Amino acid sequence: MATVKSQSGSCGGQKRISKMVSKRKGGLAGQNLLHALLPGARIDNDNGGKISINMGFSREFVVFNVGGTKFETYRSTLYSQPNSPLANDTFLKRHYNEERKEYFFDRDPDVFKAILNYLRTGELHLPSFICGPAAREELIYWGVNDDVIQRCCWSHYNSWNSTLEALMQLEKDRKGSMDEDISSQVRPKTFWTKLQNKVWRILNKPNSSRTAKIHGYLSLMFVLVSIVSFVVETHPAFDSRINIPKPGSGGVSQNTTLAENTTSRNFSSNKKNVDYLSVKVTHPAFTAIDISCLAFFTLDYIIRFIFARKKFGYLTSLMGMVDILAIIPDYVQFFVYAIHPEMRYEGDIDYIAILRVARVLRIFRLIRHVPGLWILVYTLKSSLKELLLMIVFLLVGMLIFSSLIYFVDDRKTFKSIPHSFWWSLITMTTVGYGDMYPVTELGYIVGSFTALSGLLMIGFSVPVLVNNFIMYYKHLEFAMNKEEANENDESNDRGDEKSPCNNNSAG
């Protein structure tokens, strides 16, 4: 066992303790102003406002055994913080070992060493290898507030606690998005709750059972098929067209349905005054695929809503919003086409084009099957402050360099400062399309500084996002592996309960 002896004793009869003046309340930090009232206290304004206290000490030693490591110090050292538990005789007597003549505490010796040095010097320095949450628990036990930690150790200590808080929030949001019951209340074991738990595990945990795996593969297949059909539909090889009479050409009016247009075209083919217009329509195969996928997604959404533990929570969760956004555009488009069939051929209608593009949102249904995709979305959500800061940097740079390039370069290329925003944006993001570029000497200088500032902006902001993504992804891997191990243990326990060996009576 290591023995750490106090070096605060010397031949003199005085011990000098320096304390930083703190205006923060709580813990021992609030005692600094009280110390200033003690006899012999003085404030050193030339040394950062430290309060120096001259206190006498006795020759009495006290021995602490903390987690198997012994510490020796003067009893007067404990009284440097009057409200500390170590200065409380009642607290110390409860941990006193009469046989060994020492105070025993089953706590972390590394943090206690920092606490003892804090009592000696008035400055709290924590070891860098101590986990922040563990150090916090020790500080609370010894009655020391973390606001007295020195600046050199604060960043490391705070990073540990910030990471823990972020991961706890991640786990809460992940289970909340999956509508998992994370409350401590025990739900009554009724037929409905058992069925609800069983169906919900099938829907959200593909590895929990064979039925869940089948549903997971089936859901993944429909998602992939819908995405592939959405992409392939635009290929020229699947360009399907029909001829319809032009409005006002003597044929059928524009408000006529597709079947009526086709019939009218067959019976009016001999009319010379009818002009036909070739329009693009969806290939019948893709129409069948869209209807099949929409039916599956709708049925899946209804089942999830029925068996969700918290219906409103599911509707407002990330997964619930992804599910509803994957089917709403198709229903809106079908209803619009049913009311106005002619819109099927008018590709220039803005909101119809938006509805077609909205089908790409189906790809976010892969979040259930690809954890990294959910982590990507969550990282962007949790790193909103960093993203806003990056946008502010970008806007400031755009304004400055767009103004400079407008006044120093060719006005034919840079027609105005708003026109120059595009050039500064693609230059700062290191894209550089080459559609706008400086041609003067001063323009070259401005362009060089623009590119350099863009590199600095990316270098300052992107690592934060990358670190958050790596941290969240590693935690998600750990959490999923742990859940899978727990599920395997539960299945093994259920198998043991059903084993015939457990049903044999003793003797």
Protein backbone atom coordinates (compact mmCIF):
# COMPACT_ATOMS: atom_id res chain seq x y z
CA MET A 1 0.00 0.00 0.00
CA ALA A 2 1.26 3.40 -0.94
CA THR A 3 1.66 5.98 1.80
CA VAL A 4 1.28 9.64 1.03
CA LYS A 5 2.55 12.00 3.72
CA SER A 6 1.68 15.63 4.04
CA GLN A 7 4.43 18.11 3.39
CA SER A 8 2.51 20.99 4.86
CA GLY A 9 4.31 20.66 8.18
CA SER A 10 7.60 22.49 8.58
CA CYS A 11 9.72 23.77 11.47
CA GLY A 12 7.56 26.86 11.63
CA GLY A 13 4.27 26.94 13.48
CA GLN A 14 2.18 28.38 10.70
CA LYS A 15 0.59 26.97 7.52
CA ARG A 16 -0.22 29.23 4.60
CA ILE A 17 -3.29 28.48 2.47
CA SER A 18 -4.09 30.42 -0.69
CA LYS A 19 -7.63 30.55 -1.98
CA MET A 20 -9.06 32.10 -5.13
CA VAL A 21 -11.91 34.48 -4.54
CA SER A 22 -15.06 32.86 -5.90
CA LYS A 23 -18.44 34.49 -6.32
CA ARG A 24 -20.17 31.23 -7.11
CA LYS A 25 -22.38 29.67 -4.46
CA GLY A 26 -22.58 26.09 -3.27
CA GLY A 27 -20.11 23.53 -1.96
CA LEU A 28 -16.92 24.78 -0.41
CA ALA A 29 -16.46 27.54 -2.95
CA GLY A 30 -18.91 29.71 -1.03
CA GLN A 31 -16.67 29.57 2.06
CA ASN A 32 -13.95 31.79 0.55
CA LEU A 33 -15.62 34.99 1.68
CA LEU A 34 -16.09 33.41 5.11
CA HIS A 35 -12.40 32.62 5.24
CA ALA A 36 -11.64 36.27 4.67
CA LEU A 37 -13.17 36.98 8.08
CA LEU A 38 -10.80 34.62 9.87
CA PRO A 39 -7.91 36.06 11.85
CA GLY A 40 -4.78 36.51 9.81
CA ALA A 41 -6.58 36.57 6.46
CA ARG A 42 -5.49 39.03 3.78
CA ILE A 43 -6.17 39.54 0.09
CA ASP A 44 -3.29 39.63 -2.34
CA ASN A 45 -4.46 41.88 -5.17
CA ASP A 46 -1.19 41.50 -7.05
CA ASN A 47 -1.65 37.75 -7.29
CA GLY A 48 -5.10 37.43 -8.81
CA GLY A 49 -7.01 38.36 -5.66
CA LYS A 50 -6.01 35.29 -3.67
CA ILE A 51 -7.00 35.11 -0.01
CA SER A 52 -4.13 33.97 2.19
CA ILE A 53 -4.96 32.58 5.65
CA ASN A 54 -2.40 31.97 8.36
CA MET A 55 -3.60 29.13 10.55
CA GLY A 56 -1.76 27.40 13.36
CA PHE A 57 -1.49 23.68 13.33
CA SER A 58 -0.75 21.06 15.92
CA ARG A 59 1.69 18.19 15.75
CA GLU A 60 -1.19 15.72 15.72
CA PHE A 61 -1.20 13.42 12.72
CA VAL A 62 -4.27 11.73 11.29
CA VAL A 63 -4.14 8.66 9.07
CA PHE A 64 -6.69 7.95 6.34
CA ASN A 65 -7.04 4.62 4.63
CA VAL A 66 -8.93 5.30 1.43
CA GLY A 67 -9.50 2.26 -0.75
CA GLY A 68 -6.35 0.56 0.59
CA THR A 69 -4.09 3.60 0.14
CA LYS A 70 -2.92 5.39 3.30
CA PHE A 71 -2.67 9.14 3.61
CA GLU A 72 -1.13 11.08 6.53
CA THR A 73 -1.64 14.73 7.21
CA TYR A 74 -1.99 17.24 10.05
CA ARG A 75 -5.39 17.55 11.65
CA SER A 76 -5.25 21.32 11.14
CA THR A 77 -5.17 20.72 7.38
CA LEU A 78 -8.68 19.32 7.62
CA TYR A 79 -9.90 22.51 9.27
CA SER A 80 -8.83 24.71 6.34
CA GLN A 81 -12.36 24.16 5.03
CA PRO A 82 -14.58 24.41 8.11
CA ASN A 83 -17.71 23.06 6.37
CA SER A 84 -15.92 20.08 4.86
CA PRO A 85 -17.02 16.60 6.05
CA LEU A 86 -13.36 15.98 6.93
CA ALA A 87 -13.57 18.83 9.44
CA ASN A 88 -16.65 17.26 11.04
CA ASP A 89 -15.63 15.14 14.04
CA THR A 90 -18.95 13.28 14.05
CA PHE A 91 -18.46 12.25 10.43
CA LEU A 92 -14.91 11.09 11.08
CA LYS A 93 -15.82 9.06 14.18
CA ARG A 94 -18.20 6.91 12.14
CA HIS A 95 -15.26 5.78 9.99
CA TYR A 96 -12.61 5.46 12.69
CA ASN A 97 -10.90 2.08 13.18
CA GLU A 98 -9.76 1.82 16.79
CA GLU A 99 -7.46 -1.14 16.20
CA ARG A 100 -5.53 0.42 13.34
CA LYS A 101 -5.82 3.97 14.62
CA GLU A 102 -6.94 5.23 11.23
CA TYR A 103 -9.98 6.47 9.37
CA PHE A 104 -11.13 4.03 6.72
CA PHE A 105 -13.14 5.07 3.65
CA ASP A 106 -14.02 2.64 0.90
CA ARG A 107 -13.71 5.35 -1.78
CA ASP A 108 -11.49 6.22 -4.73
CA PRO A 109 -7.98 7.04 -3.44
CA ASP A 110 -7.00 9.03 -6.55
CA VAL A 111 -9.80 11.55 -6.10
CA PHE A 112 -9.17 11.70 -2.35
CA LYS A 113 -5.57 12.60 -3.05
CA ALA A 114 -6.82 15.55 -5.12
CA ILE A 115 -9.23 16.50 -2.31
CA LEU A 116 -6.42 16.40 0.26
CA ASN A 117 -4.23 18.58 -1.93
CA TYR A 118 -7.17 20.96 -2.27
CA LEU A 119 -7.33 21.27 1.50
CA ARG A 120 -3.58 21.96 1.60
CA THR A 121 -3.21 24.41 -1.28
CA GLY A 122 -6.73 25.67 -2.00
CA GLU A 123 -6.50 24.55 -5.65
CA LEU A 124 -8.39 21.52 -6.91
CA HIS A 125 -6.64 19.55 -9.67
CA LEU A 126 -8.12 16.25 -10.85
CA PRO A 127 -6.21 13.41 -12.53
CA SER A 128 -6.85 13.28 -16.27
CA PHE A 129 -7.49 9.52 -16.22
CA ILE A 130 -10.45 9.81 -13.84
CA CYS A 131 -13.85 9.55 -15.53
CA GLY A 132 -15.84 12.75 -15.09
CA PRO A 133 -19.05 11.20 -13.69
CA ALA A 134 -17.01 9.10 -11.24
CA ALA A 135 -15.09 12.18 -10.12
CA ARG A 136 -18.35 14.06 -9.68
CA GLU A 137 -19.69 11.38 -7.35
CA GLU A 138 -16.54 11.53 -5.26
CA LEU A 139 -16.64 15.33 -5.08
CA ILE A 140 -20.24 15.21 -3.89
CA TYR A 141 -19.33 12.68 -1.20
CA TRP A 142 -16.46 14.81 0.09
CA GLY A 143 -18.58 17.98 0.00
CA VAL A 144 -16.62 19.76 -2.73
CA ASN A 145 -18.42 21.61 -5.49
CA ASP A 146 -17.03 21.12 -8.99
CA ASP A 147 -16.94 24.88 -9.60
CA VAL A 148 -13.63 25.07 -7.69
CA ILE A 149 -11.85 22.85 -10.23
CA GLN A 150 -8.98 24.73 -11.81
CA ARG A 151 -9.22 25.78 -15.44
CA CYS A 152 -6.44 23.44 -16.53
CA CYS A 153 -8.52 20.43 -15.40
CA TRP A 154 -11.99 21.77 -16.04
CA SER A 155 -12.11 21.13 -19.81
CA HIS A 156 -11.22 17.46 -19.38
CA TYR A 157 -13.65 17.00 -16.49
CA ASN A 158 -16.44 18.80 -18.34
CA SER A 159 -15.89 16.81 -21.54
CA TRP A 160 -16.50 13.55 -19.66
CA ASN A 161 -19.75 14.80 -18.17
CA SER A 162 -20.91 16.40 -21.41
CA THR A 163 -20.29 13.12 -23.23
CA LEU A 164 -22.29 11.20 -20.63
CA GLU A 165 -25.20 13.63 -20.84
CA ALA A 166 -25.17 13.48 -24.64
CA LEU A 167 -25.17 9.67 -24.65
CA MET A 168 -27.97 9.53 -22.08
CA GLN A 169 -30.02 11.88 -24.26
CA LEU A 170 -29.19 9.73 -27.29
CA GLU A 171 -30.43 6.60 -25.54
CA LYS A 172 -33.59 8.38 -24.42
CA ASP A 173 -34.32 9.66 -27.93
CA ARG A 174 -33.51 6.29 -29.50
CA LYS A 175 -35.89 4.41 -27.23
CA GLY A 176 -38.45 7.17 -27.55
CA SER A 177 -38.34 6.99 -31.35
CA MET A 178 -38.82 3.22 -31.11
CA ASP A 179 -41.63 3.73 -28.55
CA GLU A 180 -39.85 1.51 -26.07
CA ASP A 181 -41.11 1.56 -22.51
CA ILE A 182 -38.28 3.17 -20.55
CA SER A 183 -40.36 4.11 -17.53
CA SER A 184 -39.86 2.36 -14.24
CA GLN A 185 -43.57 1.57 -13.85
CA VAL A 186 -44.49 -2.09 -14.20
CA ARG A 187 -47.29 -2.58 -16.70
CA PRO A 188 -50.03 -5.07 -15.81
CA LYS A 189 -49.63 -8.42 -17.54
CA THR A 190 -52.88 -8.62 -19.49
CA PHE A 191 -53.56 -10.34 -22.79
CA TRP A 192 -53.45 -7.01 -24.63
CA THR A 193 -50.16 -5.90 -23.12
CA LYS A 194 -48.56 -9.27 -23.89
CA LEU A 195 -49.82 -9.12 -27.48
CA GLN A 196 -48.77 -5.49 -27.75
CA ASN A 197 -45.23 -6.22 -26.58
CA LYS A 198 -44.95 -9.23 -28.86
CA VAL A 199 -46.15 -7.40 -31.98
CA TRP A 200 -44.02 -4.35 -31.22
CA ARG A 201 -40.91 -6.49 -30.88
CA ILE A 202 -41.68 -8.06 -34.24
CA LEU A 203 -42.07 -4.63 -35.84
CA ASN A 204 -38.98 -2.97 -34.36
CA LYS A 205 -36.48 -5.68 -33.42
CA PRO A 206 -35.73 -7.85 -36.45
CA ASN A 207 -33.36 -10.11 -34.50
CA SER A 208 -35.80 -10.94 -31.71
CA SER A 209 -37.50 -13.87 -33.45
CA ARG A 210 -37.92 -15.65 -36.76
CA THR A 211 -41.18 -13.81 -37.44
CA ALA A 212 -39.45 -10.50 -36.75
CA LYS A 213 -36.69 -11.39 -39.22
CA ILE A 214 -39.25 -12.23 -41.91
CA HIS A 215 -41.02 -8.92 -41.34
CA GLY A 216 -37.71 -7.06 -41.35
CA TYR A 217 -36.61 -8.57 -44.66
CA LEU A 218 -40.06 -8.01 -46.18
CA SER A 219 -40.09 -4.36 -45.06
CA LEU A 220 -36.58 -3.84 -46.37
CA MET A 221 -37.54 -5.39 -49.72
CA PHE A 222 -40.54 -3.07 -50.16
CA VAL A 223 -38.44 -0.03 -49.28
CA LEU A 224 -35.73 -0.96 -51.77
CA VAL A 225 -38.25 -1.82 -54.50
CA SER A 226 -40.08 1.49 -54.05
CA ILE A 227 -36.83 3.45 -54.22
CA VAL A 228 -35.58 1.55 -57.27
CA SER A 229 -38.90 2.05 -59.08
CA PHE A 230 -38.83 5.76 -58.27
CA VAL A 231 -35.34 6.06 -59.80
CA VAL A 232 -35.73 3.71 -62.78
CA GLU A 233 -39.07 5.26 -63.75
CA THR A 234 -37.25 8.35 -65.01
CA HIS A 235 -34.96 6.35 -67.37
CA PRO A 236 -35.68 6.88 -71.09
CA ALA A 237 -35.99 3.10 -71.61
CA PHE A 238 -39.21 3.16 -69.57
CA ASP A 239 -40.66 6.21 -71.29
CA SER A 240 -44.33 5.35 -71.80
CA ARG A 241 -46.42 7.71 -73.94
CA ILE A 242 -49.97 7.92 -75.28
CA ASN A 243 -51.65 10.20 -77.79
CA ILE A 244 -54.49 12.41 -76.60
CA PRO A 245 -56.42 15.03 -78.58
CA LYS A 246 -55.18 18.55 -78.20
CA PRO A 247 -57.62 20.79 -76.36
CA GLY A 248 -59.65 22.89 -78.81
CA SER A 249 -58.65 20.87 -81.87
CA GLY A 250 -62.10 19.42 -82.45
CA GLY A 251 -61.51 16.37 -80.32
CA VAL A 252 -62.48 15.65 -76.75
CA SER A 253 -62.07 18.39 -74.18
CA GLN A 254 -59.20 18.47 -71.75
CA ASN A 255 -61.42 17.53 -68.80
CA THR A 256 -62.25 14.14 -70.31
CA THR A 257 -60.91 11.09 -68.53
CA LEU A 258 -58.20 8.85 -69.96
CA ALA A 259 -60.64 6.06 -70.92
CA GLU A 260 -62.93 8.55 -72.64
CA ASN A 261 -59.97 10.08 -74.46
CA THR A 262 -58.86 6.69 -75.72
CA THR A 263 -62.37 5.77 -76.90
CA SER A 264 -62.83 9.12 -78.57
CA ARG A 265 -59.47 8.73 -80.30
CA ASN A 266 -60.52 5.31 -81.73
CA PHE A 267 -63.87 6.50 -82.98
CA SER A 268 -62.59 9.84 -84.24
CA SER A 269 -59.47 8.64 -86.01
CA ASN A 270 -60.99 9.48 -89.37
CA LYS A 271 -61.49 13.10 -88.49
CA LYS A 272 -58.89 15.17 -90.25
CA ASN A 273 -59.33 18.19 -88.01
CA VAL A 274 -58.25 16.41 -84.82
CA ASP A 275 -54.65 16.89 -83.65
CA TYR A 276 -53.13 14.51 -81.14
CA LEU A 277 -50.59 15.31 -78.48
CA SER A 278 -48.04 12.77 -77.25
CA VAL A 279 -47.85 12.86 -73.43
CA LYS A 280 -45.78 10.87 -70.99
CA VAL A 281 -47.56 8.61 -68.51
CA THR A 282 -46.37 6.26 -65.82
CA HIS A 283 -45.58 2.78 -67.03
CA PRO A 284 -48.22 0.26 -65.88
CA ALA A 285 -45.56 -1.85 -64.16
CA PHE A 286 -44.43 1.07 -62.01
CA THR A 287 -48.03 1.93 -61.22
CA ALA A 288 -48.55 -1.59 -59.91
CA ILE A 289 -45.34 -1.36 -57.86
CA ASP A 290 -46.35 1.97 -56.37
CA ILE A 291 -49.78 0.70 -55.38
CA SER A 292 -48.31 -2.47 -53.82
CA CYS A 293 -45.70 -0.51 -51.84
CA LEU A 294 -48.28 2.05 -50.75
CA ALA A 295 -50.58 -0.72 -49.53
CA PHE A 296 -47.77 -2.34 -47.53
CA PHE A 297 -46.60 0.96 -46.02
CA THR A 298 -50.18 1.91 -45.11
CA LEU A 299 -50.87 -1.44 -43.46
CA ASP A 300 -47.55 -1.26 -41.60
CA TYR A 301 -48.33 2.26 -40.36
CA ILE A 302 -51.82 1.26 -39.16
CA ILE A 303 -50.47 -1.76 -37.28
CA ARG A 304 -47.74 0.31 -35.67
CA PHE A 305 -50.25 2.92 -34.58
CA ILE A 306 -52.63 0.30 -33.12
CA PHE A 307 -49.93 -1.52 -31.15
CA ALA A 308 -47.93 1.54 -30.10
CA ARG A 309 -47.71 1.95 -26.32
CA LYS A 310 -47.94 5.73 -26.61
CA LYS A 311 -49.93 6.63 -29.70
CA PHE A 312 -49.26 10.38 -29.59
CA GLY A 313 -45.59 9.72 -28.85
CA TYR A 314 -45.36 7.48 -31.93
CA LEU A 315 -47.09 10.07 -34.14
CA THR A 316 -44.66 12.81 -33.07
CA SER A 317 -41.53 10.63 -33.03
CA LEU A 318 -38.94 10.62 -35.80
CA MET A 319 -39.99 7.17 -36.98
CA GLY A 320 -43.67 8.06 -36.97
CA MET A 321 -43.06 11.20 -39.01
CA VAL A 322 -40.95 9.23 -41.49
CA ASP A 323 -43.69 6.62 -41.85
CA ILE A 324 -46.44 9.15 -42.50
CA LEU A 325 -44.33 11.24 -44.88
CA ALA A 326 -43.63 8.10 -46.91
CA ILE A 327 -47.32 7.56 -47.73
CA ILE A 328 -49.03 10.99 -47.64
CA PRO A 329 -47.59 12.25 -51.00
CA ASP A 330 -48.90 9.19 -52.83
CA TYR A 331 -52.41 9.56 -51.42
CA VAL A 332 -52.50 13.27 -52.21
CA GLN A 333 -51.33 12.58 -55.76
CA PHE A 334 -53.94 9.84 -56.26
CA PHE A 335 -56.74 12.08 -55.00
CA VAL A 336 -55.64 14.96 -57.22
CA TYR A 337 -55.50 12.71 -60.27
CA ALA A 338 -58.91 11.26 -59.43
CA ILE A 339 -60.47 14.72 -59.28
CA HIS A 340 -58.52 16.23 -62.21
CA PRO A 341 -57.28 13.47 -64.53
CA GLU A 342 -55.84 15.98 -66.99
CA MET A 343 -53.18 16.88 -64.43
CA ARG A 344 -51.67 13.47 -65.09
CA TYR A 345 -50.25 14.90 -68.33
CA GLU A 346 -49.31 18.38 -67.10
CA GLY A 347 -45.81 17.91 -65.77
CA ASP A 348 -45.23 21.61 -65.31
CA ILE A 349 -47.62 21.92 -62.35
CA ASP A 350 -45.47 22.82 -59.37
CA TYR A 351 -47.24 21.04 -56.52
CA ILE A 352 -47.66 17.84 -58.53
CA ALA A 353 -43.91 17.83 -59.20
CA ILE A 354 -43.26 18.39 -55.51
CA LEU A 355 -45.48 15.41 -54.64
CA ARG A 356 -43.53 13.22 -57.03
CA VAL A 357 -40.22 14.35 -55.56
CA ALA A 358 -41.56 13.71 -52.05
CA ARG A 359 -41.48 9.99 -52.80
CA VAL A 360 -37.76 10.09 -52.23
CA LEU A 361 -38.58 10.40 -48.51
CA ARG A 362 -39.23 6.67 -48.55
CA ILE A 363 -35.50 6.16 -48.29
CA PHE A 364 -35.65 7.32 -44.68
CA ARG A 365 -37.60 4.18 -43.84
CA LEU A 366 -34.22 2.51 -44.06
CA ILE A 367 -33.45 4.12 -40.70
CA ARG A 368 -34.95 1.06 -39.00
CA HIS A 369 -32.63 -1.25 -40.91
CA VAL A 370 -29.50 0.90 -41.15
CA PRO A 371 -28.58 2.30 -37.70
CA GLY A 372 -25.89 4.52 -39.20
CA LEU A 373 -28.54 6.44 -41.15
CA TRP A 374 -30.45 7.21 -37.96
CA ILE A 375 -27.22 8.28 -36.28
CA LEU A 376 -26.51 10.61 -39.21
CA VAL A 377 -29.90 12.28 -38.82
CA TYR A 378 -29.52 12.44 -35.04
CA THR A 379 -26.02 13.91 -35.32
CA LEU A 380 -27.31 16.72 -37.51
CA LYS A 381 -30.14 17.32 -35.05
CA SER A 382 -27.94 17.31 -31.93
CA SER A 383 -25.22 19.39 -33.62
CA LEU A 384 -27.61 22.16 -34.57
CA LYS A 385 -25.59 24.79 -32.71
CA GLU A 386 -22.41 23.84 -34.56
CA LEU A 387 -24.26 23.87 -37.87
CA LEU A 388 -25.71 27.31 -37.15
CA LEU A 389 -22.25 28.56 -36.22
CA MET A 390 -20.87 27.22 -39.50
CA ILE A 391 -23.67 28.94 -41.40
CA VAL A 392 -22.88 32.21 -39.63
CA PHE A 393 -19.20 31.88 -40.61
CA LEU A 394 -20.27 31.19 -44.17
CA LEU A 395 -22.65 34.15 -44.34
CA VAL A 396 -20.04 36.53 -42.94
CA GLY A 397 -17.46 35.30 -45.41
CA MET A 398 -19.91 35.54 -48.29
CA LEU A 399 -20.77 39.13 -47.43
CA ILE A 400 -17.16 40.25 -47.03
CA PHE A 401 -15.62 38.54 -50.06
CA SER A 402 -18.59 39.18 -52.35
CA SER A 403 -18.29 42.89 -51.64
CA LEU A 404 -14.53 42.86 -52.23
CA ILE A 405 -14.68 40.91 -55.49
CA TYR A 406 -17.43 43.16 -56.80
CA PHE A 407 -15.35 46.31 -56.37
CA VAL A 408 -11.98 44.96 -57.53
CA ASP A 409 -12.86 42.67 -60.45
CA ASP A 410 -14.71 42.64 -63.76
CA ARG A 411 -18.24 44.02 -63.50
CA LYS A 412 -19.38 41.91 -66.46
CA THR A 413 -18.76 38.72 -64.49
CA PHE A 414 -19.63 40.04 -61.05
CA LYS A 415 -22.67 42.12 -61.93
CA SER A 416 -23.65 42.88 -58.34
CA ILE A 417 -22.85 41.86 -54.79
CA PRO A 418 -25.83 39.44 -54.65
CA HIS A 419 -24.58 37.86 -57.91
CA SER A 420 -21.18 37.48 -56.26
CA PHE A 421 -22.68 35.49 -53.38
CA TRP A 422 -22.67 32.39 -55.57
CA TRP A 423 -18.99 32.76 -56.40
CA SER A 424 -17.99 33.25 -52.75
CA LEU A 425 -20.14 30.30 -51.67
CA ILE A 426 -18.63 27.78 -54.08
CA THR A 427 -15.14 29.14 -53.47
CA MET A 428 -15.36 28.97 -49.67
CA THR A 429 -16.74 25.42 -49.84
CA THR A 430 -13.82 24.45 -52.16
CA VAL A 431 -16.20 23.43 -54.97
CA GLY A 432 -15.17 25.93 -57.63
CA TYR A 433 -17.42 25.33 -60.66
CA GLY A 434 -15.46 27.79 -62.75
CA ASP A 435 -18.55 29.60 -64.05
CA MET A 436 -17.39 32.76 -62.24
CA TYR A 437 -13.75 33.52 -61.58
CA PRO A 438 -11.60 36.64 -61.05
CA VAL A 439 -9.51 38.05 -63.90
CA THR A 440 -7.64 40.94 -62.23
CA GLU A 441 -4.64 40.94 -59.93
CA LEU A 442 -6.65 42.20 -56.97
CA GLY A 443 -9.33 39.66 -57.83
CA TYR A 444 -6.76 36.88 -57.58
CA ILE A 445 -5.78 38.09 -54.12
CA VAL A 446 -9.39 38.26 -52.96
CA GLY A 447 -10.05 34.78 -54.40
CA SER A 448 -7.02 33.37 -52.58
CA PHE A 449 -8.16 34.74 -49.24
CA THR A 450 -11.68 33.48 -49.93
CA ALA A 451 -10.41 29.94 -50.51
CA LEU A 452 -8.18 30.05 -47.43
CA SER A 453 -11.00 31.29 -45.22
CA GLY A 454 -13.19 28.51 -46.54
CA LEU A 455 -10.60 25.93 -45.54
CA LEU A 456 -10.43 27.40 -42.05
CA MET A 457 -14.22 27.39 -41.77
CA ILE A 458 -14.39 23.72 -42.74
CA GLY A 459 -11.48 22.86 -40.47
CA PHE A 460 -13.14 24.52 -37.48
CA SER A 461 -16.67 23.17 -37.88
CA VAL A 462 -16.50 19.75 -39.55
CA PRO A 463 -14.39 17.94 -36.87
CA VAL A 464 -17.08 18.66 -34.27
CA LEU A 465 -19.69 16.95 -36.43
CA VAL A 466 -17.36 14.03 -37.17
CA ASN A 467 -16.53 13.53 -33.49
CA ASN A 468 -20.22 13.59 -32.54
CA PHE A 469 -21.07 11.06 -35.24
CA ILE A 470 -18.28 8.69 -34.16
CA MET A 471 -19.26 9.00 -30.50
CA TYR A 472 -22.94 8.33 -31.20
CA TYR A 473 -22.22 5.48 -33.61
CA LYS A 474 -19.87 3.70 -31.19
CA HIS A 475 -22.44 4.02 -28.42
CA LEU A 476 -25.20 2.70 -30.68
CA GLU A 477 -23.08 -0.34 -31.57
CA PHE A 478 -22.46 -1.00 -27.87
CA ALA A 479 -26.14 -0.56 -26.99
CA MET A 480 -27.34 -2.85 -29.79
CA ASN A 481 -24.81 -5.55 -28.92
CA LYS A 482 -25.86 -5.36 -25.29
CA GLU A 483 -29.56 -5.60 -26.19
CA GLU A 484 -28.87 -8.54 -28.48
CA ALA A 485 -26.98 -10.32 -25.68
CA ASN A 486 -29.84 -9.67 -23.26
CA GLU A 487 -32.35 -11.02 -25.77
CA ASN A 488 -30.26 -14.16 -26.21
CA ASP A 489 -30.10 -14.60 -22.44
CA GLU A 490 -33.87 -14.18 -22.16
CA SER A 491 -34.49 -16.72 -24.93
CA ASN A 492 -32.11 -19.15 -23.24
CA ASP A 493 -33.90 -18.67 -19.93
CA ARG A 494 -37.25 -19.34 -21.58
CA GLY A 495 -35.81 -22.45 -23.16
CA ASP A 496 -34.52 -23.65 -19.79
CA GLU A 497 -37.93 -23.12 -18.23
CA LYS A 498 -39.53 -25.30 -20.93
CA SER A 499 -36.88 -27.99 -20.63
CA PRO A 500 -38.19 -31.35 -19.40
CA CYS A 501 -35.31 -31.57 -16.93
CA ASN A 502 -36.75 -28.64 -14.95
CA ASN A 503 -40.14 -30.31 -14.71
CA ASN A 504 -38.84 -33.46 -12.95
CA SER A 505 -39.58 -33.57 -9.28
CA ALA A 506 -36.76 -34.08 -6.82
CA GLY A 507 -36.02 -37.57 -5.50
